[in-house]
Amino acid sequence: MLNNREWELINFAKGSENAFIGDDCAVWDDKSLVVTTDHFCENVHFDLSFMPPESVGWRLMAANASDIIAMGSRPTHYLLNIAVPENGFENAKKMIRGIQDFAEKYGIALLGGDTTAAEKFSLGVTMFGEKPEKPLLRSAAKPGDFVYLAAETGLSLCGFKALKQNLKGFENSAGRFLRPDPFLHIPNKINELNAAIDISDSLLSELNLICTLSDVSMKIDFDRIPINKEVAEYSRLFSFPLENLVFGSGEEFIMLFTADHKIDGAFEIGKVFCKKERQLEIVSKNRTIDIDSIRLFSHFG
């Protein structure tokens, strides 16, 4: 799953002499910091025709905080850049209000930033956290580890579709999409985990990333993955494959991780093995799920 347009650009940008930059955050050893950055573009990451502008700011902060948390740290400070179209000043203030709501709730201080004009909205945040004693990396899964999911997946995609279709009865899903909160599902004893990643691109993408970067294989039991009733209901009502919702939903902003012992408060969904020809296998009862049939979230559409 590293063979996509996003990773093509990442690899091009880092060049041949730079250190590995494939984790949720950069580890800045000299300053004892972990650092991440994300930006949202109008009509790519958000659509104001069905999203309140406050939710755009909240989601941007959640995306960055989720990266920091997935490294085993907590966010402390951030920088904000915002580009505002003509006649967009009032919506810009509402977006900033959403950013402030998240920052105030979790004690994250604004350091500064930049504002400019643009044809469409574009917002970017760079966030900092203290470097933990043991940063959680995507490359640290070990054969014998158990694979854990911090919470249900599929809600973000379900909420997105329900909001676009103006459906009632999907309030939890809409809440996950509009106001995700990575602080709600931090695993217990986070310093005892081996590998970790936040689910921003999709559960399937993140499973493949850990396998690839840790040089291991995984076997996942679909029947052990928690399924929210709204996700199951959307799948039933619209004949939308449940596997696509659970494995293909992006911007969930919860943790996927491995550990070599039981972790309370999380869902054990599989196990890590020595590298095999098949990097990732997903089974359900007596069948193997066709991974190639699952449509994945993509920032490039």
Protein backbone atom coordinates (compact mmCIF):
# COMPACT_ATOMS: atom_id res chain seq x y z
CA MET A 1 0.00 0.00 0.00
CA LEU A 2 3.00 2.30 -0.17
CA ASN A 3 2.59 2.44 -3.93
CA ASN A 4 0.25 5.43 -4.26
CA ARG A 5 0.45 9.07 -5.30
CA GLU A 6 0.78 10.40 -1.76
CA TRP A 7 3.80 8.23 -1.01
CA GLU A 8 5.26 9.02 -4.43
CA LEU A 9 5.32 12.71 -3.49
CA ILE A 10 6.65 12.00 0.03
CA ASN A 11 9.53 9.96 -1.34
CA PHE A 12 10.29 12.59 -4.00
CA ALA A 13 10.32 15.38 -1.39
CA LYS A 14 12.65 13.65 1.05
CA GLY A 15 15.34 12.99 -1.57
CA SER A 16 18.01 10.33 -1.26
CA GLU A 17 20.03 11.66 1.69
CA ASN A 18 17.29 12.49 4.21
CA ALA A 19 16.40 10.29 7.16
CA PHE A 20 13.24 8.18 7.17
CA ILE A 21 10.11 10.37 7.39
CA GLY A 22 7.41 7.71 7.29
CA ASP A 23 6.04 7.91 10.84
CA ASP A 24 3.11 9.95 12.15
CA CYS A 25 5.54 12.63 13.40
CA ALA A 26 9.14 13.64 12.96
CA VAL A 27 11.24 12.94 16.05
CA TRP A 28 13.40 16.02 16.67
CA ASP A 29 16.03 14.54 18.96
CA ASP A 30 18.04 17.75 19.46
CA LYS A 31 15.00 19.56 20.88
CA SER A 32 13.30 16.50 22.45
CA LEU A 33 10.17 17.12 20.38
CA VAL A 34 7.85 15.27 18.07
CA VAL A 35 6.48 17.44 15.25
CA THR A 36 3.71 16.95 12.72
CA THR A 37 1.84 19.03 10.16
CA ASP A 38 -1.43 18.73 8.25
CA HIS A 39 -3.37 21.02 5.98
CA PHE A 40 -6.96 21.02 4.72
CA CYS A 41 -8.04 22.35 1.33
CA GLU A 42 -11.59 23.33 0.46
CA ASN A 43 -13.43 20.78 -1.72
CA VAL A 44 -10.68 18.21 -1.06
CA HIS A 45 -10.79 17.81 2.73
CA PHE A 46 -14.00 19.68 3.48
CA ASP A 47 -17.19 20.90 1.82
CA LEU A 48 -18.97 23.86 3.37
CA SER A 49 -22.24 22.94 1.65
CA PHE A 50 -22.91 20.36 4.36
CA MET A 51 -20.19 20.98 6.99
CA PRO A 52 -20.26 23.76 9.60
CA PRO A 53 -17.09 25.86 9.29
CA GLU A 54 -16.35 25.31 13.00
CA SER A 55 -16.01 21.58 12.32
CA VAL A 56 -13.29 22.25 9.73
CA GLY A 57 -11.06 23.85 12.35
CA TRP A 58 -11.80 21.17 14.93
CA ARG A 59 -11.03 18.36 12.46
CA LEU A 60 -7.73 19.97 11.46
CA MET A 61 -6.61 20.09 15.08
CA ALA A 62 -7.80 16.51 15.63
CA ALA A 63 -5.77 15.32 12.62
CA ASN A 64 -2.58 16.81 14.02
CA ALA A 65 -3.22 15.79 17.63
CA SER A 66 -3.92 12.24 16.48
CA ASP A 67 -0.42 12.06 14.96
CA ILE A 68 1.18 13.31 18.17
CA ILE A 69 -0.79 10.86 20.31
CA ALA A 70 0.06 7.95 18.00
CA MET A 71 3.76 8.61 18.72
CA GLY A 72 3.10 8.17 22.46
CA SER A 73 3.13 11.90 23.21
CA ARG A 74 0.67 14.73 23.95
CA PRO A 75 0.35 17.95 21.91
CA THR A 76 1.49 21.12 23.64
CA HIS A 77 1.85 23.89 21.00
CA TYR A 78 0.83 24.66 17.43
CA LEU A 79 1.32 27.05 14.51
CA LEU A 80 -1.60 28.04 12.25
CA ASN A 81 -1.58 29.10 8.59
CA ILE A 82 -4.82 30.07 6.85
CA ALA A 83 -5.57 31.25 3.31
CA VAL A 84 -8.96 32.96 2.92
CA PRO A 85 -10.96 33.62 -0.26
CA GLU A 86 -12.73 36.90 -0.96
CA ASN A 87 -15.94 37.18 1.09
CA GLY A 88 -14.74 34.31 3.31
CA PHE A 89 -13.84 36.36 6.38
CA GLU A 90 -16.81 35.32 8.53
CA ASN A 91 -16.36 31.62 7.75
CA ALA A 92 -12.64 31.99 8.48
CA LYS A 93 -13.45 33.29 11.97
CA LYS A 94 -15.77 30.32 12.53
CA MET A 95 -13.04 27.89 11.42
CA ILE A 96 -10.60 29.54 13.82
CA ARG A 97 -13.24 29.25 16.55
CA GLY A 98 -13.28 25.48 15.98
CA ILE A 99 -9.48 25.42 16.22
CA GLN A 100 -9.62 27.41 19.44
CA ASP A 101 -12.29 25.12 20.93
CA PHE A 102 -10.05 22.09 20.46
CA ALA A 103 -6.94 23.91 21.66
CA GLU A 104 -8.64 25.26 24.79
CA LYS A 105 -10.18 21.89 25.66
CA TYR A 106 -6.78 20.16 25.64
CA GLY A 107 -4.44 22.99 26.66
CA ILE A 108 -2.60 23.38 23.34
CA ALA A 109 -0.99 26.83 23.01
CA LEU A 110 -0.83 28.86 19.79
CA LEU A 111 2.71 30.01 18.92
CA GLY A 112 1.95 32.01 15.76
CA GLY A 113 1.38 31.49 12.05
CA ASP A 114 0.44 33.28 8.85
CA THR A 115 -2.61 34.52 6.96
CA THR A 116 -3.02 35.20 3.24
CA ALA A 117 -5.61 35.40 0.46
CA ALA A 118 -6.52 32.58 -1.91
CA GLU A 119 -9.21 31.48 -4.34
CA LYS A 120 -10.40 28.79 -1.89
CA PHE A 121 -9.88 28.10 1.79
CA SER A 122 -6.67 26.35 2.81
CA LEU A 123 -5.70 25.79 6.45
CA GLY A 124 -2.52 24.26 7.85
CA VAL A 125 -1.41 23.43 11.38
CA THR A 126 2.03 22.39 12.62
CA MET A 127 1.85 20.77 16.05
CA PHE A 128 4.47 19.95 18.67
CA GLY A 129 4.67 17.52 21.58
CA GLU A 130 7.38 16.45 23.98
CA LYS A 131 9.44 13.51 22.76
CA PRO A 132 8.44 10.45 24.83
CA GLU A 133 11.05 8.17 26.32
CA LYS A 134 10.04 5.55 23.74
CA PRO A 135 8.48 7.09 20.61
CA LEU A 136 5.96 4.70 19.03
CA LEU A 137 7.03 3.88 15.48
CA ARG A 138 5.32 2.13 12.59
CA SER A 139 8.41 -0.02 12.15
CA ALA A 140 8.46 -1.65 15.60
CA ALA A 141 5.90 -4.48 15.31
CA LYS A 142 7.36 -7.88 16.24
CA PRO A 143 6.33 -11.46 15.38
CA GLY A 144 4.11 -12.69 18.19
CA ASP A 145 2.58 -9.25 18.85
CA PHE A 146 -1.16 -8.88 19.12
CA VAL A 147 -2.85 -6.32 16.86
CA TYR A 148 -5.19 -3.86 18.59
CA LEU A 149 -7.75 -1.32 17.46
CA ALA A 150 -8.54 1.53 19.85
CA ALA A 151 -12.19 1.96 18.80
CA GLU A 152 -14.72 1.27 16.06
CA THR A 153 -13.89 2.23 12.48
CA GLY A 154 -16.22 3.02 9.61
CA LEU A 155 -17.98 5.83 11.44
CA SER A 156 -16.19 8.64 9.61
CA LEU A 157 -17.09 7.39 6.13
CA CYS A 158 -20.60 6.53 7.28
CA GLY A 159 -21.00 10.01 8.75
CA PHE A 160 -19.66 11.66 5.62
CA LYS A 161 -22.16 9.79 3.45
CA ALA A 162 -25.06 10.40 5.84
CA LEU A 163 -24.35 14.14 5.94
CA LYS A 164 -24.09 14.39 2.15
CA GLN A 165 -27.36 12.48 1.78
CA ASN A 166 -29.03 14.42 4.64
CA LEU A 167 -29.94 11.17 6.41
CA LYS A 168 -31.38 11.00 9.91
CA GLY A 169 -30.43 8.39 12.50
CA PHE A 170 -26.66 8.54 11.96
CA GLU A 171 -25.78 11.06 14.65
CA ASN A 172 -22.83 9.11 16.10
CA SER A 173 -21.32 8.68 12.65
CA ALA A 174 -21.82 12.36 11.81
CA GLY A 175 -20.17 13.22 15.13
CA ARG A 176 -17.11 11.10 14.34
CA PHE A 177 -16.80 12.80 10.96
CA LEU A 178 -17.43 16.40 12.07
CA ARG A 179 -15.77 16.39 15.52
CA PRO A 180 -13.38 13.43 15.85
CA ASP A 181 -11.54 13.33 19.15
CA PRO A 182 -8.32 11.28 19.36
CA PHE A 183 -8.10 11.92 23.11
CA LEU A 184 -11.16 9.74 23.75
CA HIS A 185 -9.51 6.46 22.73
CA ILE A 186 -5.92 6.59 24.01
CA PRO A 187 -4.93 3.05 25.02
CA ASN A 188 -4.00 2.24 28.59
CA LYS A 189 -0.27 1.92 29.33
CA ILE A 190 0.63 3.53 26.02
CA ASN A 191 4.33 3.32 26.89
CA GLU A 192 4.07 -0.50 26.77
CA LEU A 193 3.05 -0.66 23.11
CA ASN A 194 5.45 -1.73 20.37
CA ALA A 195 4.26 -0.23 17.08
CA ALA A 196 1.52 2.34 16.52
CA ILE A 197 -0.11 4.46 13.84
CA ASP A 198 -3.19 6.64 13.69
CA ILE A 199 -5.97 5.78 11.27
CA SER A 200 -6.08 8.73 8.90
CA ASP A 201 -5.95 7.01 5.50
CA SER A 202 -7.93 3.82 6.38
CA LEU A 203 -7.60 0.76 8.57
CA LEU A 204 -6.43 -1.31 5.60
CA SER A 205 -3.78 1.23 4.61
CA GLU A 206 -2.43 1.48 8.15
CA LEU A 207 -2.28 -2.32 8.57
CA ASN A 208 -0.27 -2.53 5.36
CA LEU A 209 2.04 0.30 6.46
CA ILE A 210 2.91 -1.41 9.73
CA CYS A 211 3.50 -4.71 7.89
CA THR A 212 5.72 -3.07 5.28
CA LEU A 213 7.74 -0.87 7.60
CA SER A 214 8.13 -3.56 10.30
CA ASP A 215 8.91 -6.25 7.70
CA VAL A 216 6.25 -8.59 9.13
CA SER A 217 2.96 -10.19 8.14
CA MET A 218 -0.41 -10.00 9.89
CA LYS A 219 -3.54 -12.12 10.10
CA ILE A 220 -6.64 -10.11 11.00
CA ASP A 221 -9.94 -11.64 12.18
CA PHE A 222 -12.74 -9.52 10.74
CA ASP A 223 -15.22 -11.03 13.20
CA ARG A 224 -13.26 -9.55 16.14
CA ILE A 225 -13.45 -6.00 14.79
CA PRO A 226 -16.09 -3.94 16.62
CA ILE A 227 -18.94 -2.86 14.32
CA ASN A 228 -20.99 0.19 15.28
CA LYS A 229 -24.72 -0.32 14.77
CA GLU A 230 -24.96 2.77 12.54
CA VAL A 231 -22.22 1.42 10.28
CA ALA A 232 -24.01 -1.92 10.05
CA GLU A 233 -27.32 -0.15 9.35
CA TYR A 234 -25.87 2.00 6.57
CA SER A 235 -24.35 -1.10 4.98
CA ARG A 236 -27.73 -2.85 5.13
CA LEU A 237 -29.86 0.06 3.89
CA PHE A 238 -27.67 0.95 0.92
CA SER A 239 -26.11 -2.45 0.11
CA PHE A 240 -22.70 -0.91 0.77
CA PRO A 241 -20.17 -3.65 1.61
CA LEU A 242 -19.46 -3.67 5.34
CA GLU A 243 -15.78 -4.44 4.66
CA ASN A 244 -15.50 -1.21 2.65
CA LEU A 245 -16.85 0.86 5.53
CA VAL A 246 -14.72 -0.81 8.20
CA PHE A 247 -11.44 -1.10 6.27
CA GLY A 248 -11.75 1.79 3.80
CA SER A 249 -12.88 4.66 6.01
CA GLY A 250 -10.32 7.44 6.43
CA GLU A 251 -9.89 10.28 8.93
CA GLU A 252 -11.05 8.17 11.88
CA PHE A 253 -8.19 9.58 13.99
CA ILE A 254 -7.96 6.63 16.37
CA MET A 255 -4.99 4.33 17.03
CA LEU A 256 -4.02 1.00 15.54
CA PHE A 257 -1.17 -0.63 17.47
CA THR A 258 0.64 -3.82 18.42
CA ALA A 259 1.81 -5.12 21.78
CA ASP A 260 3.31 -8.35 23.04
CA HIS A 261 0.82 -8.65 25.93
CA LYS A 262 -2.82 -7.91 26.69
CA ILE A 263 -3.85 -4.25 26.59
CA ASP A 264 -7.08 -3.43 28.42
CA GLY A 265 -9.55 -0.99 26.88
CA ALA A 266 -8.79 -1.88 23.26
CA PHE A 267 -9.97 -4.50 20.75
CA GLU A 268 -7.64 -7.37 19.87
CA ILE A 269 -8.21 -8.04 16.14
CA GLY A 270 -5.26 -10.15 14.99
CA LYS A 271 -1.67 -11.22 15.33
CA VAL A 272 1.76 -10.42 13.88
CA PHE A 273 3.87 -13.13 12.22
CA CYS A 274 7.27 -13.41 10.60
CA LYS A 275 7.20 -12.06 7.07
CA LYS A 276 5.36 -14.34 4.63
CA GLU A 277 4.60 -14.16 0.92
CA ARG A 278 1.17 -12.78 1.81
CA GLN A 279 1.82 -9.63 3.82
CA LEU A 280 -1.72 -9.17 5.12
CA GLU A 281 -4.52 -11.71 5.42
CA ILE A 282 -8.04 -10.85 6.59
CA VAL A 283 -10.31 -13.77 7.43
CA SER A 284 -13.96 -14.09 8.42
CA LYS A 285 -15.19 -17.46 9.63
CA ASN A 286 -14.24 -19.86 6.82
CA ARG A 287 -13.39 -17.34 4.11
CA THR A 288 -10.58 -14.96 3.20
CA ILE A 289 -11.66 -11.40 2.40
CA ASP A 290 -10.50 -10.06 -0.96
CA ILE A 291 -8.37 -7.08 0.07
CA ASP A 292 -8.08 -5.78 -3.50
CA SER A 293 -11.85 -5.24 -3.66
CA ILE A 294 -11.81 -2.71 -0.81
CA ARG A 295 -11.86 0.90 -1.96
CA LEU A 296 -9.53 3.01 0.18
CA PHE A 297 -9.74 6.60 1.33
CA SER A 298 -7.44 8.92 -0.62
CA HIS A 299 -6.53 12.59 -0.22
CA PHE A 300 -6.30 12.73 -4.01
CA GLY A 301 -9.83 11.46 -4.66
